[in-house]
N, C-alpha and C. Protein backbone atom coordinates (compact mmCIF):
# COMPACT_ATOMS: atom_id res chain seq x y z
N MET A 1 21.07 -1.91 -8.09
CA MET A 1 19.70 -2.23 -7.79
C MET A 1 19.28 -3.50 -8.52
N PRO A 2 18.57 -4.36 -7.83
CA PRO A 2 18.15 -5.59 -8.51
C PRO A 2 17.07 -5.31 -9.55
N HIS A 3 17.08 -6.13 -10.59
CA HIS A 3 16.07 -5.99 -11.64
C HIS A 3 14.86 -6.81 -11.24
N ILE A 4 13.72 -6.19 -11.18
CA ILE A 4 12.47 -6.84 -10.80
C ILE A 4 11.69 -7.16 -12.06
N THR A 5 11.46 -8.44 -12.31
CA THR A 5 10.74 -8.87 -13.50
C THR A 5 9.23 -8.84 -13.24
N PRO A 6 8.43 -8.78 -14.29
CA PRO A 6 6.98 -8.83 -14.09
C PRO A 6 6.50 -10.10 -13.39
N GLU A 7 7.24 -11.21 -13.58
CA GLU A 7 6.87 -12.46 -12.91
C GLU A 7 7.04 -12.34 -11.41
N VAL A 8 8.10 -11.67 -10.96
CA VAL A 8 8.33 -11.47 -9.53
C VAL A 8 7.24 -10.58 -8.95
N ILE A 9 6.90 -9.51 -9.68
CA ILE A 9 5.84 -8.61 -9.21
C ILE A 9 4.52 -9.37 -9.13
N GLY A 10 4.22 -10.17 -10.15
CA GLY A 10 2.98 -10.94 -10.16
C GLY A 10 2.90 -11.94 -9.03
N ALA A 11 4.05 -12.51 -8.65
CA ALA A 11 4.07 -13.49 -7.56
C ALA A 11 3.91 -12.84 -6.20
N LYS A 12 4.33 -11.60 -6.04
CA LYS A 12 4.29 -10.94 -4.74
C LYS A 12 3.12 -9.98 -4.57
N LEU A 13 2.37 -9.73 -5.62
CA LEU A 13 1.32 -8.72 -5.58
C LEU A 13 -0.05 -9.38 -5.63
N ILE A 14 -0.93 -8.98 -4.71
CA ILE A 14 -2.31 -9.43 -4.70
C ILE A 14 -3.20 -8.19 -4.83
N LEU A 15 -4.02 -8.16 -5.88
CA LEU A 15 -4.91 -7.03 -6.13
C LEU A 15 -6.35 -7.47 -5.90
N ARG A 16 -7.15 -6.54 -5.39
CA ARG A 16 -8.56 -6.85 -5.16
C ARG A 16 -9.38 -5.58 -5.32
N GLY A 17 -10.43 -5.67 -6.07
CA GLY A 17 -11.38 -4.58 -6.20
C GLY A 17 -12.61 -4.91 -5.37
N ILE A 18 -13.00 -4.02 -4.50
CA ILE A 18 -14.17 -4.23 -3.65
C ILE A 18 -15.26 -3.30 -4.15
N HIS A 19 -16.36 -3.87 -4.60
CA HIS A 19 -17.50 -3.15 -5.17
C HIS A 19 -17.15 -2.46 -6.49
N LEU A 20 -16.08 -2.89 -7.13
CA LEU A 20 -15.73 -2.39 -8.46
C LEU A 20 -14.83 -3.38 -9.15
N GLU A 21 -14.80 -3.32 -10.46
CA GLU A 21 -13.96 -4.17 -11.28
C GLU A 21 -12.68 -3.39 -11.60
N LEU A 22 -11.52 -3.99 -11.30
CA LEU A 22 -10.25 -3.34 -11.62
C LEU A 22 -9.99 -3.47 -13.12
N THR A 23 -9.79 -2.36 -13.79
CA THR A 23 -9.54 -2.37 -15.23
C THR A 23 -8.10 -2.78 -15.48
N ASP A 24 -7.80 -3.14 -16.74
CA ASP A 24 -6.44 -3.52 -17.11
C ASP A 24 -5.48 -2.34 -16.92
N ALA A 25 -5.95 -1.13 -17.19
CA ALA A 25 -5.12 0.06 -17.01
C ALA A 25 -4.78 0.27 -15.53
N MET A 26 -5.77 0.07 -14.67
CA MET A 26 -5.54 0.21 -13.23
C MET A 26 -4.55 -0.85 -12.74
N LYS A 27 -4.72 -2.08 -13.20
CA LYS A 27 -3.80 -3.16 -12.81
C LYS A 27 -2.38 -2.86 -13.29
N ALA A 28 -2.25 -2.32 -14.51
CA ALA A 28 -0.92 -2.01 -15.05
C ALA A 28 -0.24 -0.93 -14.21
N ILE A 29 -0.99 0.08 -13.80
CA ILE A 29 -0.43 1.16 -12.99
C ILE A 29 0.01 0.61 -11.63
N ILE A 30 -0.81 -0.24 -11.03
CA ILE A 30 -0.46 -0.80 -9.72
C ILE A 30 0.76 -1.70 -9.84
N HIS A 31 0.84 -2.50 -10.91
CA HIS A 31 2.02 -3.34 -11.12
C HIS A 31 3.28 -2.50 -11.26
N GLU A 32 3.19 -1.42 -12.01
CA GLU A 32 4.35 -0.54 -12.22
C GLU A 32 4.82 0.07 -10.89
N LYS A 33 3.88 0.56 -10.10
CA LYS A 33 4.24 1.20 -8.84
C LYS A 33 4.70 0.17 -7.81
N ALA A 34 4.16 -1.03 -7.85
CA ALA A 34 4.61 -2.09 -6.94
C ALA A 34 6.04 -2.50 -7.30
N GLY A 35 6.37 -2.47 -8.57
CA GLY A 35 7.75 -2.75 -8.99
C GLY A 35 8.72 -1.75 -8.40
N ARG A 36 8.30 -0.49 -8.32
CA ARG A 36 9.13 0.55 -7.70
C ARG A 36 9.36 0.23 -6.23
N LEU A 37 8.31 -0.20 -5.53
CA LEU A 37 8.46 -0.55 -4.11
C LEU A 37 9.40 -1.74 -3.93
N LEU A 38 9.28 -2.74 -4.80
CA LEU A 38 10.13 -3.92 -4.69
C LEU A 38 11.58 -3.60 -5.03
N ARG A 39 11.83 -2.64 -5.91
CA ARG A 39 13.21 -2.24 -6.19
C ARG A 39 13.83 -1.56 -4.97
N HIS A 40 13.02 -0.75 -4.26
CA HIS A 40 13.53 -0.07 -3.06
C HIS A 40 13.78 -1.06 -1.92
N GLU A 41 12.91 -2.03 -1.78
CA GLU A 41 12.99 -2.96 -0.65
C GLU A 41 12.75 -4.38 -1.15
N PRO A 42 13.81 -5.11 -1.51
CA PRO A 42 13.63 -6.47 -2.05
C PRO A 42 13.19 -7.50 -1.01
N ARG A 43 13.22 -7.16 0.29
CA ARG A 43 12.83 -8.11 1.32
C ARG A 43 11.31 -8.20 1.51
N ILE A 44 10.55 -7.51 0.70
CA ILE A 44 9.09 -7.58 0.78
C ILE A 44 8.64 -8.97 0.35
N ASP A 45 7.83 -9.62 1.19
CA ASP A 45 7.31 -10.94 0.86
C ASP A 45 6.04 -10.86 0.02
N ARG A 46 5.13 -9.95 0.39
CA ARG A 46 3.87 -9.85 -0.31
C ARG A 46 3.30 -8.44 -0.17
N ILE A 47 2.65 -7.97 -1.23
CA ILE A 47 1.96 -6.68 -1.21
C ILE A 47 0.50 -6.94 -1.55
N ARG A 48 -0.39 -6.54 -0.65
CA ARG A 48 -1.83 -6.66 -0.90
C ARG A 48 -2.40 -5.26 -1.11
N ILE A 49 -3.05 -5.06 -2.24
CA ILE A 49 -3.66 -3.77 -2.56
C ILE A 49 -5.15 -4.00 -2.75
N HIS A 50 -5.97 -3.27 -2.00
CA HIS A 50 -7.42 -3.32 -2.14
C HIS A 50 -7.90 -1.93 -2.54
N VAL A 51 -8.67 -1.86 -3.60
CA VAL A 51 -9.29 -0.61 -4.03
C VAL A 51 -10.79 -0.80 -3.85
N GLU A 52 -11.39 0.08 -3.06
CA GLU A 52 -12.79 -0.07 -2.70
C GLU A 52 -13.60 1.14 -3.15
N LEU A 53 -14.77 0.87 -3.69
CA LEU A 53 -15.72 1.92 -4.04
C LEU A 53 -16.71 2.03 -2.89
N ASP A 54 -16.77 3.22 -2.29
CA ASP A 54 -17.64 3.43 -1.14
C ASP A 54 -18.65 4.51 -1.48
N LYS A 55 -19.92 4.16 -1.46
CA LYS A 55 -20.98 5.12 -1.74
C LYS A 55 -21.84 5.39 -0.51
N THR A 56 -21.40 4.94 0.65
CA THR A 56 -22.23 5.07 1.85
C THR A 56 -22.22 6.47 2.43
N LYS A 57 -21.11 7.19 2.33
CA LYS A 57 -21.01 8.51 2.96
C LYS A 57 -21.71 9.60 2.17
N THR A 58 -21.55 9.57 0.85
CA THR A 58 -22.17 10.58 0.00
C THR A 58 -22.76 9.89 -1.22
N SER A 59 -23.49 10.62 -2.02
CA SER A 59 -24.05 10.04 -3.23
C SER A 59 -23.01 9.90 -4.33
N GLN A 60 -21.88 10.62 -4.20
CA GLN A 60 -20.82 10.55 -5.19
C GLN A 60 -19.90 9.37 -4.88
N ALA A 61 -19.19 8.93 -5.92
CA ALA A 61 -18.25 7.83 -5.75
C ALA A 61 -17.07 8.29 -4.89
N HIS A 62 -16.67 7.42 -3.99
CA HIS A 62 -15.58 7.70 -3.07
C HIS A 62 -14.70 6.45 -3.06
N PHE A 63 -13.42 6.58 -3.37
CA PHE A 63 -12.54 5.43 -3.51
C PHE A 63 -11.57 5.36 -2.34
N ILE A 64 -11.42 4.17 -1.79
CA ILE A 64 -10.50 3.92 -0.69
C ILE A 64 -9.48 2.89 -1.18
N ALA A 65 -8.21 3.22 -1.08
CA ALA A 65 -7.14 2.30 -1.45
C ALA A 65 -6.41 1.89 -0.18
N LYS A 66 -6.26 0.58 0.01
CA LYS A 66 -5.60 0.05 1.20
C LYS A 66 -4.43 -0.81 0.78
N ALA A 67 -3.36 -0.75 1.56
CA ALA A 67 -2.18 -1.59 1.30
C ALA A 67 -1.78 -2.30 2.58
N HIS A 68 -1.39 -3.55 2.41
CA HIS A 68 -0.84 -4.34 3.51
C HIS A 68 0.44 -4.97 2.96
N ILE A 69 1.58 -4.60 3.55
CA ILE A 69 2.86 -5.10 3.05
C ILE A 69 3.44 -6.05 4.08
N GLU A 70 3.65 -7.29 3.66
CA GLU A 70 4.27 -8.29 4.51
C GLU A 70 5.77 -8.23 4.26
N ILE A 71 6.50 -7.95 5.32
CA ILE A 71 7.95 -7.76 5.24
C ILE A 71 8.54 -8.30 6.52
N SER A 72 9.83 -8.58 6.53
CA SER A 72 10.45 -9.06 7.75
C SER A 72 10.29 -7.99 8.83
N GLY A 73 9.85 -8.41 9.99
CA GLY A 73 9.53 -7.46 11.04
C GLY A 73 8.04 -7.15 11.00
N PRO A 74 7.62 -6.09 11.66
CA PRO A 74 6.20 -5.74 11.64
C PRO A 74 5.71 -5.38 10.24
N ASP A 75 4.53 -5.84 9.91
CA ASP A 75 3.93 -5.50 8.60
C ASP A 75 3.57 -4.02 8.55
N LEU A 76 3.49 -3.50 7.33
CA LEU A 76 3.12 -2.10 7.13
C LEU A 76 1.70 -2.03 6.58
N ASN A 77 0.90 -1.13 7.12
CA ASN A 77 -0.46 -0.92 6.66
C ASN A 77 -0.66 0.56 6.36
N ALA A 78 -1.41 0.84 5.29
CA ALA A 78 -1.72 2.23 4.94
C ALA A 78 -3.03 2.25 4.18
N PHE A 79 -3.73 3.39 4.27
CA PHE A 79 -4.92 3.57 3.45
C PHE A 79 -5.07 5.04 3.12
N VAL A 80 -5.68 5.28 1.96
CA VAL A 80 -5.89 6.63 1.45
C VAL A 80 -7.27 6.64 0.80
N ASP A 81 -7.96 7.76 0.90
CA ASP A 81 -9.23 7.88 0.19
C ASP A 81 -9.27 9.18 -0.59
N SER A 82 -9.98 9.13 -1.72
CA SER A 82 -10.17 10.32 -2.55
C SER A 82 -11.38 10.08 -3.46
N ASP A 83 -11.65 11.04 -4.32
CA ASP A 83 -12.80 10.92 -5.21
C ASP A 83 -12.45 10.28 -6.54
N ASP A 84 -11.19 9.88 -6.75
CA ASP A 84 -10.75 9.25 -7.99
C ASP A 84 -9.94 8.00 -7.66
N ALA A 85 -10.22 6.89 -8.33
CA ALA A 85 -9.54 5.63 -8.04
C ALA A 85 -8.05 5.72 -8.35
N TYR A 86 -7.69 6.32 -9.48
CA TYR A 86 -6.29 6.42 -9.87
C TYR A 86 -5.52 7.32 -8.89
N LYS A 87 -6.15 8.39 -8.47
CA LYS A 87 -5.53 9.29 -7.50
C LYS A 87 -5.32 8.57 -6.17
N SER A 88 -6.29 7.76 -5.76
CA SER A 88 -6.16 7.01 -4.51
C SER A 88 -4.98 6.05 -4.57
N VAL A 89 -4.85 5.34 -5.68
CA VAL A 89 -3.74 4.39 -5.83
C VAL A 89 -2.41 5.13 -5.83
N ASP A 90 -2.35 6.25 -6.53
CA ASP A 90 -1.11 7.02 -6.59
C ASP A 90 -0.71 7.54 -5.21
N LEU A 91 -1.66 8.10 -4.48
CA LEU A 91 -1.38 8.60 -3.13
C LEU A 91 -0.99 7.46 -2.19
N LEU A 92 -1.64 6.30 -2.35
CA LEU A 92 -1.32 5.15 -1.50
C LEU A 92 0.11 4.68 -1.73
N MET A 93 0.52 4.58 -2.98
CA MET A 93 1.88 4.12 -3.27
C MET A 93 2.92 5.10 -2.76
N ASP A 94 2.63 6.39 -2.85
CA ASP A 94 3.55 7.38 -2.30
C ASP A 94 3.64 7.25 -0.78
N LYS A 95 2.51 6.99 -0.13
CA LYS A 95 2.48 6.84 1.32
C LYS A 95 3.26 5.60 1.75
N VAL A 96 3.05 4.49 1.05
CA VAL A 96 3.75 3.25 1.38
C VAL A 96 5.25 3.40 1.12
N ASP A 97 5.61 4.08 0.05
CA ASP A 97 7.02 4.33 -0.23
C ASP A 97 7.66 5.13 0.90
N GLY A 98 6.94 6.13 1.41
CA GLY A 98 7.45 6.90 2.55
C GLY A 98 7.60 6.04 3.79
N LEU A 99 6.66 5.13 4.04
CA LEU A 99 6.76 4.24 5.19
C LEU A 99 7.97 3.32 5.07
N LEU A 100 8.21 2.81 3.86
CA LEU A 100 9.38 1.95 3.65
C LEU A 100 10.68 2.71 3.83
N ARG A 101 10.74 3.94 3.34
CA ARG A 101 11.94 4.76 3.52
C ARG A 101 12.17 5.08 4.99
N LYS A 102 11.11 5.40 5.71
CA LYS A 102 11.22 5.70 7.14
C LYS A 102 11.74 4.48 7.90
N ARG A 103 11.19 3.32 7.57
CA ARG A 103 11.62 2.08 8.23
C ARG A 103 13.09 1.81 7.93
N HIS A 104 13.49 1.98 6.68
CA HIS A 104 14.89 1.75 6.29
C HIS A 104 15.82 2.70 7.04
N ASN A 105 15.45 3.98 7.12
CA ASN A 105 16.29 4.95 7.81
C ASN A 105 16.39 4.67 9.29
N GLU A 106 15.29 4.22 9.92
CA GLU A 106 15.33 3.89 11.34
C GLU A 106 16.24 2.69 11.59
N LEU A 107 16.16 1.67 10.73
CA LEU A 107 17.02 0.50 10.89
C LEU A 107 18.49 0.87 10.67
N LYS A 108 18.74 1.74 9.70
CA LYS A 108 20.12 2.16 9.43
C LYS A 108 20.66 2.97 10.60
N GLU A 109 19.84 3.84 11.16
CA GLU A 109 20.26 4.64 12.31
C GLU A 109 20.56 3.74 13.51
N LYS A 110 19.74 2.76 13.72
CA LYS A 110 19.93 1.83 14.84
C LYS A 110 21.21 1.02 14.64
N ARG A 111 21.48 0.63 13.40
CA ARG A 111 22.67 -0.17 13.10
C ARG A 111 23.95 0.64 13.26
N HIS A 112 23.95 1.90 12.85
CA HIS A 112 25.16 2.71 12.87
C HIS A 112 25.37 3.48 14.18
N HIS A 113 24.32 3.62 14.98
CA HIS A 113 24.44 4.36 16.24
C HIS A 113 23.79 3.56 17.37
N PRO A 114 24.43 2.47 17.77
CA PRO A 114 23.84 1.68 18.86
C PRO A 114 23.88 2.47 20.17
N HIS A 115 22.91 2.20 21.02
CA HIS A 115 22.82 2.89 22.29
C HIS A 115 23.37 2.00 23.39
N ALA A 116 23.99 2.62 24.39
CA ALA A 116 24.52 1.88 25.52
C ALA A 116 23.35 1.36 26.37
N VAL A 117 23.57 0.22 26.99
CA VAL A 117 22.55 -0.39 27.84
C VAL A 117 23.04 -0.35 29.27
N GLU A 118 22.20 0.15 30.16
CA GLU A 118 22.55 0.18 31.58
C GLU A 118 21.86 -0.97 32.28
N LEU A 119 22.66 -1.73 33.05
CA LEU A 119 22.13 -2.86 33.78
C LEU A 119 22.04 -2.50 35.26
N ASP A 120 21.00 -3.00 35.92
CA ASP A 120 20.80 -2.73 37.34
C ASP A 120 21.65 -3.62 38.23
N VAL A 121 22.17 -4.72 37.69
CA VAL A 121 22.96 -5.66 38.49
C VAL A 121 24.39 -5.66 37.96
N ALA A 122 25.30 -6.09 38.81
CA ALA A 122 26.70 -6.18 38.41
C ALA A 122 26.90 -7.47 37.62
N LEU A 123 27.75 -7.39 36.61
CA LEU A 123 28.04 -8.57 35.82
C LEU A 123 29.06 -9.43 36.54
N PRO A 124 28.95 -10.75 36.42
CA PRO A 124 29.95 -11.63 37.07
C PRO A 124 31.31 -11.46 36.38
N LYS A 125 32.37 -11.62 37.16
CA LYS A 125 33.70 -11.48 36.60
C LYS A 125 34.10 -12.76 35.88
N ALA A 126 34.78 -12.60 34.75
CA ALA A 126 35.25 -13.75 33.99
C ALA A 126 36.48 -14.32 34.65
N LEU A 127 36.58 -15.62 34.62
CA LEU A 127 37.74 -16.28 35.25
C LEU A 127 38.88 -16.40 34.31
């Protein structure tokens, strides 16, 4: 497994707090968990994490964590909401990790078990 340095994580990770200030502890947790994602999938170009405080639905604090992962092929998007910011981030990282594993397994399955292609027309004969 490749060693992911904090500089690599810092270059590939974009954090944003919407309607709240991200604390140093929250940033440290997100950096740690993003390092785990980068170790699993080194082809990730960029990870965007947004943590949002939403008070519109109820009078209590409601936190929404969103992730957008730029990777070769289609980008991955996920979001999770809960009543605790740390819990939202933790659930989001688990969800994104599952999406990356699913994508990896699908690509591996496609690579090791190619499907036959049926053509409607006859192929020309080689001379």
